[in-house]
Amino acid sequence: KYISQEKIRLWENLKSIPGFEPLYPEANFVFIKITKDLKVSILAESLKKKGILIRDCSNYRFLDESFFRVAVKSREDNDILISALKEVMNKEIKKGSS
């Protein structure tokens, strides 16, 4: 029950981040498409520096370098992830517009 509720909360939070299009979660992870001009490899590297790992899905059949997935974790871990994703996306969007 916890995972069911938390994955929806995580998905809702991911939807609020500009540049992300999260797919509705059917399992204990969420697939996300980056809609801005940013490759997952760049995002993954920025997050890795913060101690956060995401799964690059560019080698999945029918997906490209704009897809990644994140696991549903504890509320605290998910909040840390959301905060880091917002920070990285804000920085990358500013970098792209300058």
N, C-alpha and C. Protein backbone atom coordinates (compact mmCIF):
# COMPACT_ATOMS: atom_id res chain seq x y z
N LYS A 1 0.83 -1.20 0.00
CA LYS A 1 0.00 0.00 0.00
C LYS A 1 0.88 1.26 0.00
N TYR A 2 1.96 1.26 0.81
CA TYR A 2 2.84 2.43 0.86
C TYR A 2 3.40 2.74 -0.52
N ILE A 3 3.92 1.72 -1.20
CA ILE A 3 4.52 1.93 -2.52
C ILE A 3 3.46 2.47 -3.49
N SER A 4 2.25 1.95 -3.43
CA SER A 4 1.18 2.42 -4.32
C SER A 4 0.91 3.90 -4.13
N GLN A 5 0.85 4.34 -2.89
CA GLN A 5 0.60 5.75 -2.60
C GLN A 5 1.81 6.61 -2.95
N GLU A 6 2.99 6.13 -2.59
CA GLU A 6 4.20 6.93 -2.80
C GLU A 6 4.53 7.07 -4.28
N LYS A 7 4.27 6.04 -5.08
CA LYS A 7 4.58 6.16 -6.51
C LYS A 7 3.69 7.22 -7.17
N ILE A 8 2.44 7.34 -6.71
CA ILE A 8 1.55 8.38 -7.25
C ILE A 8 2.04 9.76 -6.81
N ARG A 9 2.43 9.87 -5.55
CA ARG A 9 2.96 11.15 -5.04
C ARG A 9 4.22 11.55 -5.82
N LEU A 10 5.12 10.58 -6.03
CA LEU A 10 6.34 10.84 -6.79
C LEU A 10 5.99 11.28 -8.21
N TRP A 11 5.09 10.56 -8.86
CA TRP A 11 4.66 10.89 -10.22
C TRP A 11 4.09 12.30 -10.29
N GLU A 12 3.24 12.66 -9.33
CA GLU A 12 2.64 14.00 -9.29
C GLU A 12 3.73 15.07 -9.17
N ASN A 13 4.72 14.82 -8.31
CA ASN A 13 5.82 15.77 -8.14
C ASN A 13 6.67 15.87 -9.41
N LEU A 14 6.91 14.76 -10.06
CA LEU A 14 7.69 14.77 -11.31
C LEU A 14 6.97 15.56 -12.40
N LYS A 15 5.65 15.48 -12.43
CA LYS A 15 4.87 16.22 -13.43
C LYS A 15 5.03 17.73 -13.27
N SER A 16 5.37 18.17 -12.07
CA SER A 16 5.49 19.61 -11.81
C SER A 16 6.83 20.18 -12.25
N ILE A 17 7.76 19.33 -12.66
CA ILE A 17 9.08 19.80 -13.06
C ILE A 17 9.07 20.14 -14.55
N PRO A 18 9.34 21.41 -14.90
CA PRO A 18 9.38 21.78 -16.32
C PRO A 18 10.43 20.97 -17.07
N GLY A 19 10.05 20.46 -18.23
CA GLY A 19 10.98 19.68 -19.04
C GLY A 19 10.85 18.18 -18.86
N PHE A 20 9.96 17.75 -17.96
CA PHE A 20 9.75 16.32 -17.73
C PHE A 20 8.33 15.92 -18.08
N GLU A 21 8.22 14.73 -18.64
CA GLU A 21 6.92 14.14 -18.93
C GLU A 21 6.93 12.71 -18.37
N PRO A 22 6.59 12.56 -17.08
CA PRO A 22 6.60 11.22 -16.49
C PRO A 22 5.40 10.39 -16.95
N LEU A 23 5.64 9.13 -17.22
CA LEU A 23 4.55 8.23 -17.60
C LEU A 23 3.92 7.67 -16.33
N TYR A 24 2.63 7.41 -16.39
CA TYR A 24 1.94 6.89 -15.20
C TYR A 24 2.61 5.59 -14.75
N PRO A 25 2.97 5.48 -13.47
CA PRO A 25 3.70 4.30 -12.99
C PRO A 25 2.81 3.06 -12.85
N GLU A 26 3.23 1.99 -13.48
CA GLU A 26 2.53 0.70 -13.36
C GLU A 26 3.29 -0.25 -12.44
N ALA A 27 4.51 0.10 -12.09
CA ALA A 27 5.35 -0.75 -11.23
C ALA A 27 5.98 0.14 -10.17
N ASN A 28 7.05 -0.33 -9.53
CA ASN A 28 7.67 0.46 -8.47
C ASN A 28 8.76 1.40 -9.01
N PHE A 29 8.58 1.84 -10.24
CA PHE A 29 9.47 2.85 -10.82
C PHE A 29 8.64 3.70 -11.78
N VAL A 30 9.22 4.85 -12.16
CA VAL A 30 8.54 5.79 -13.06
C VAL A 30 9.45 6.07 -14.25
N PHE A 31 8.93 5.88 -15.46
CA PHE A 31 9.63 6.28 -16.67
C PHE A 31 9.38 7.77 -16.89
N ILE A 32 10.42 8.48 -17.30
CA ILE A 32 10.31 9.92 -17.53
C ILE A 32 10.94 10.26 -18.88
N LYS A 33 10.23 11.08 -19.64
CA LYS A 33 10.78 11.59 -20.91
C LYS A 33 11.19 13.03 -20.67
N ILE A 34 12.41 13.36 -21.08
CA ILE A 34 12.87 14.75 -21.01
C ILE A 34 12.38 15.45 -22.27
N THR A 35 11.63 16.52 -22.09
CA THR A 35 11.07 17.23 -23.24
C THR A 35 11.90 18.45 -23.63
N LYS A 36 12.93 18.74 -22.86
CA LYS A 36 13.85 19.84 -23.20
C LYS A 36 15.04 19.25 -23.96
N ASP A 37 15.86 20.12 -24.52
CA ASP A 37 17.03 19.67 -25.27
C ASP A 37 18.15 19.30 -24.30
N LEU A 38 17.99 18.16 -23.67
CA LEU A 38 18.97 17.67 -22.69
C LEU A 38 19.00 16.16 -22.77
N LYS A 39 20.19 15.60 -22.90
CA LYS A 39 20.32 14.15 -22.96
C LYS A 39 20.36 13.57 -21.55
N VAL A 40 19.86 12.36 -21.43
CA VAL A 40 19.85 11.68 -20.13
C VAL A 40 21.26 11.54 -19.58
N SER A 41 22.23 11.31 -20.44
CA SER A 41 23.61 11.12 -19.96
C SER A 41 24.10 12.36 -19.21
N ILE A 42 23.73 13.55 -19.66
CA ILE A 42 24.12 14.79 -18.98
C ILE A 42 23.41 14.90 -17.63
N LEU A 43 22.10 14.61 -17.64
CA LEU A 43 21.32 14.64 -16.41
C LEU A 43 21.87 13.63 -15.41
N ALA A 44 22.14 12.41 -15.88
CA ALA A 44 22.65 11.35 -15.01
C ALA A 44 23.98 11.74 -14.38
N GLU A 45 24.85 12.36 -15.15
CA GLU A 45 26.16 12.77 -14.64
C GLU A 45 26.00 13.85 -13.56
N SER A 46 25.12 14.81 -13.79
CA SER A 46 24.89 15.86 -12.79
C SER A 46 24.32 15.29 -11.50
N LEU A 47 23.40 14.34 -11.63
CA LEU A 47 22.80 13.73 -10.44
C LEU A 47 23.79 12.83 -9.70
N LYS A 48 24.64 12.15 -10.47
CA LYS A 48 25.63 11.26 -9.87
C LYS A 48 26.56 12.04 -8.95
N LYS A 49 26.89 13.28 -9.33
CA LYS A 49 27.74 14.13 -8.49
C LYS A 49 27.06 14.44 -7.15
N LYS A 50 25.74 14.32 -7.12
CA LYS A 50 24.98 14.55 -5.89
C LYS A 50 24.68 13.23 -5.16
N GLY A 51 25.22 12.14 -5.68
CA GLY A 51 25.01 10.83 -5.05
C GLY A 51 23.69 10.18 -5.41
N ILE A 52 23.09 10.62 -6.53
CA ILE A 52 21.79 10.09 -6.96
C ILE A 52 21.97 9.39 -8.30
N LEU A 53 21.48 8.15 -8.38
CA LEU A 53 21.58 7.38 -9.62
C LEU A 53 20.21 7.25 -10.26
N ILE A 54 20.17 7.42 -11.58
CA ILE A 54 18.96 7.17 -12.35
C ILE A 54 19.30 6.14 -13.41
N ARG A 55 18.29 5.49 -13.95
CA ARG A 55 18.51 4.47 -14.98
C ARG A 55 18.31 5.08 -16.36
N ASP A 56 19.38 5.20 -17.10
CA ASP A 56 19.34 5.67 -18.48
C ASP A 56 18.64 4.60 -19.31
N CYS A 57 17.58 4.95 -19.99
CA CYS A 57 16.80 3.98 -20.77
C CYS A 57 17.02 4.12 -22.28
N SER A 58 18.08 4.81 -22.67
CA SER A 58 18.33 5.03 -24.09
C SER A 58 18.61 3.73 -24.85
N ASN A 59 19.00 2.68 -24.13
CA ASN A 59 19.27 1.41 -24.80
C ASN A 59 18.06 0.47 -24.75
N TYR A 60 16.93 0.95 -24.24
CA TYR A 60 15.70 0.15 -24.24
C TYR A 60 15.08 0.20 -25.63
N ARG A 61 14.49 -0.88 -26.02
CA ARG A 61 13.83 -0.94 -27.32
C ARG A 61 12.73 0.12 -27.41
N PHE A 62 12.70 0.85 -28.48
CA PHE A 62 11.72 1.90 -28.79
C PHE A 62 11.91 3.19 -28.00
N LEU A 63 12.93 3.28 -27.17
CA LEU A 63 13.19 4.51 -26.42
C LEU A 63 14.47 5.16 -26.94
N ASP A 64 14.65 6.44 -26.64
CA ASP A 64 15.85 7.14 -27.09
C ASP A 64 16.55 7.81 -25.90
N GLU A 65 17.49 8.72 -26.20
CA GLU A 65 18.30 9.33 -25.15
C GLU A 65 17.54 10.36 -24.31
N SER A 66 16.23 10.44 -24.51
CA SER A 66 15.44 11.36 -23.69
C SER A 66 14.67 10.64 -22.57
N PHE A 67 14.85 9.33 -22.45
CA PHE A 67 14.12 8.56 -21.44
C PHE A 67 15.02 8.05 -20.32
N PHE A 68 14.48 8.12 -19.11
CA PHE A 68 15.14 7.51 -17.95
C PHE A 68 14.07 7.03 -16.99
N ARG A 69 14.49 6.29 -15.97
CA ARG A 69 13.53 5.87 -14.97
C ARG A 69 14.12 6.02 -13.59
N VAL A 70 13.23 6.18 -12.63
CA VAL A 70 13.63 6.28 -11.23
C VAL A 70 12.80 5.30 -10.42
N ALA A 71 13.40 4.76 -9.38
CA ALA A 71 12.70 3.82 -8.51
C ALA A 71 11.93 4.59 -7.44
N VAL A 72 10.82 4.01 -7.02
CA VAL A 72 10.06 4.56 -5.90
C VAL A 72 10.76 4.12 -4.63
N LYS A 73 11.16 5.09 -3.83
CA LYS A 73 11.88 4.80 -2.58
C LYS A 73 11.08 5.35 -1.41
N SER A 74 11.76 5.66 -0.32
CA SER A 74 11.08 6.26 0.83
C SER A 74 10.67 7.68 0.48
N ARG A 75 9.72 8.22 1.22
CA ARG A 75 9.26 9.60 0.98
C ARG A 75 10.46 10.56 1.05
N GLU A 76 11.31 10.36 2.04
CA GLU A 76 12.48 11.23 2.21
C GLU A 76 13.41 11.14 0.99
N ASP A 77 13.72 9.93 0.55
CA ASP A 77 14.59 9.75 -0.62
C ASP A 77 13.95 10.33 -1.88
N ASN A 78 12.64 10.14 -2.03
CA ASN A 78 11.95 10.68 -3.20
C ASN A 78 11.97 12.20 -3.19
N ASP A 79 11.83 12.81 -2.00
CA ASP A 79 11.89 14.27 -1.90
C ASP A 79 13.28 14.79 -2.26
N ILE A 80 14.31 14.07 -1.85
CA ILE A 80 15.69 14.43 -2.20
C ILE A 80 15.86 14.36 -3.72
N LEU A 81 15.34 13.30 -4.32
CA LEU A 81 15.40 13.13 -5.78
C LEU A 81 14.69 14.28 -6.49
N ILE A 82 13.48 14.60 -6.07
CA ILE A 82 12.70 15.68 -6.69
C ILE A 82 13.45 17.00 -6.61
N SER A 83 13.98 17.29 -5.44
CA SER A 83 14.73 18.53 -5.24
C SER A 83 15.94 18.60 -6.16
N ALA A 84 16.68 17.50 -6.25
CA ALA A 84 17.87 17.45 -7.11
C ALA A 84 17.50 17.58 -8.59
N LEU A 85 16.42 16.92 -9.00
CA LEU A 85 15.98 17.02 -10.39
C LEU A 85 15.59 18.45 -10.74
N LYS A 86 14.86 19.11 -9.85
CA LYS A 86 14.47 20.50 -10.08
C LYS A 86 15.70 21.39 -10.21
N GLU A 87 16.66 21.19 -9.31
CA GLU A 87 17.88 22.00 -9.32
C GLU A 87 18.66 21.81 -10.62
N VAL A 88 18.86 20.57 -11.01
CA VAL A 88 19.62 20.28 -12.23
C VAL A 88 18.89 20.81 -13.46
N MET A 89 17.58 20.60 -13.54
CA MET A 89 16.83 21.07 -14.70
C MET A 89 16.83 22.59 -14.78
N ASN A 90 16.68 23.27 -13.65
CA ASN A 90 16.73 24.74 -13.66
C ASN A 90 18.08 25.23 -14.17
N LYS A 91 19.14 24.60 -13.71
CA LYS A 91 20.49 24.97 -14.13
C LYS A 91 20.68 24.71 -15.63
N GLU A 92 20.22 23.56 -16.10
CA GLU A 92 20.39 23.21 -17.52
C GLU A 92 19.54 24.10 -18.42
N ILE A 93 18.34 24.44 -17.97
CA ILE A 93 17.47 25.31 -18.77
C ILE A 93 18.08 26.70 -18.86
N LYS A 94 18.61 27.21 -17.75
CA LYS A 94 19.27 28.53 -17.76
C LYS A 94 20.49 28.50 -18.67
N LYS A 95 21.26 27.41 -18.58
CA LYS A 95 22.46 27.28 -19.40
C LYS A 95 22.09 27.28 -20.89
N GLY A 96 20.99 26.60 -21.22
CA GLY A 96 20.55 26.51 -22.61
C GLY A 96 19.99 27.81 -23.16
N SER A 97 19.48 28.68 -22.27
CA SER A 97 18.88 29.93 -22.74
C SER A 97 19.86 31.10 -22.73
N SER A 98 21.08 30.86 -22.25
CA SER A 98 22.06 31.97 -22.21
C SER A 98 22.97 31.94 -23.41
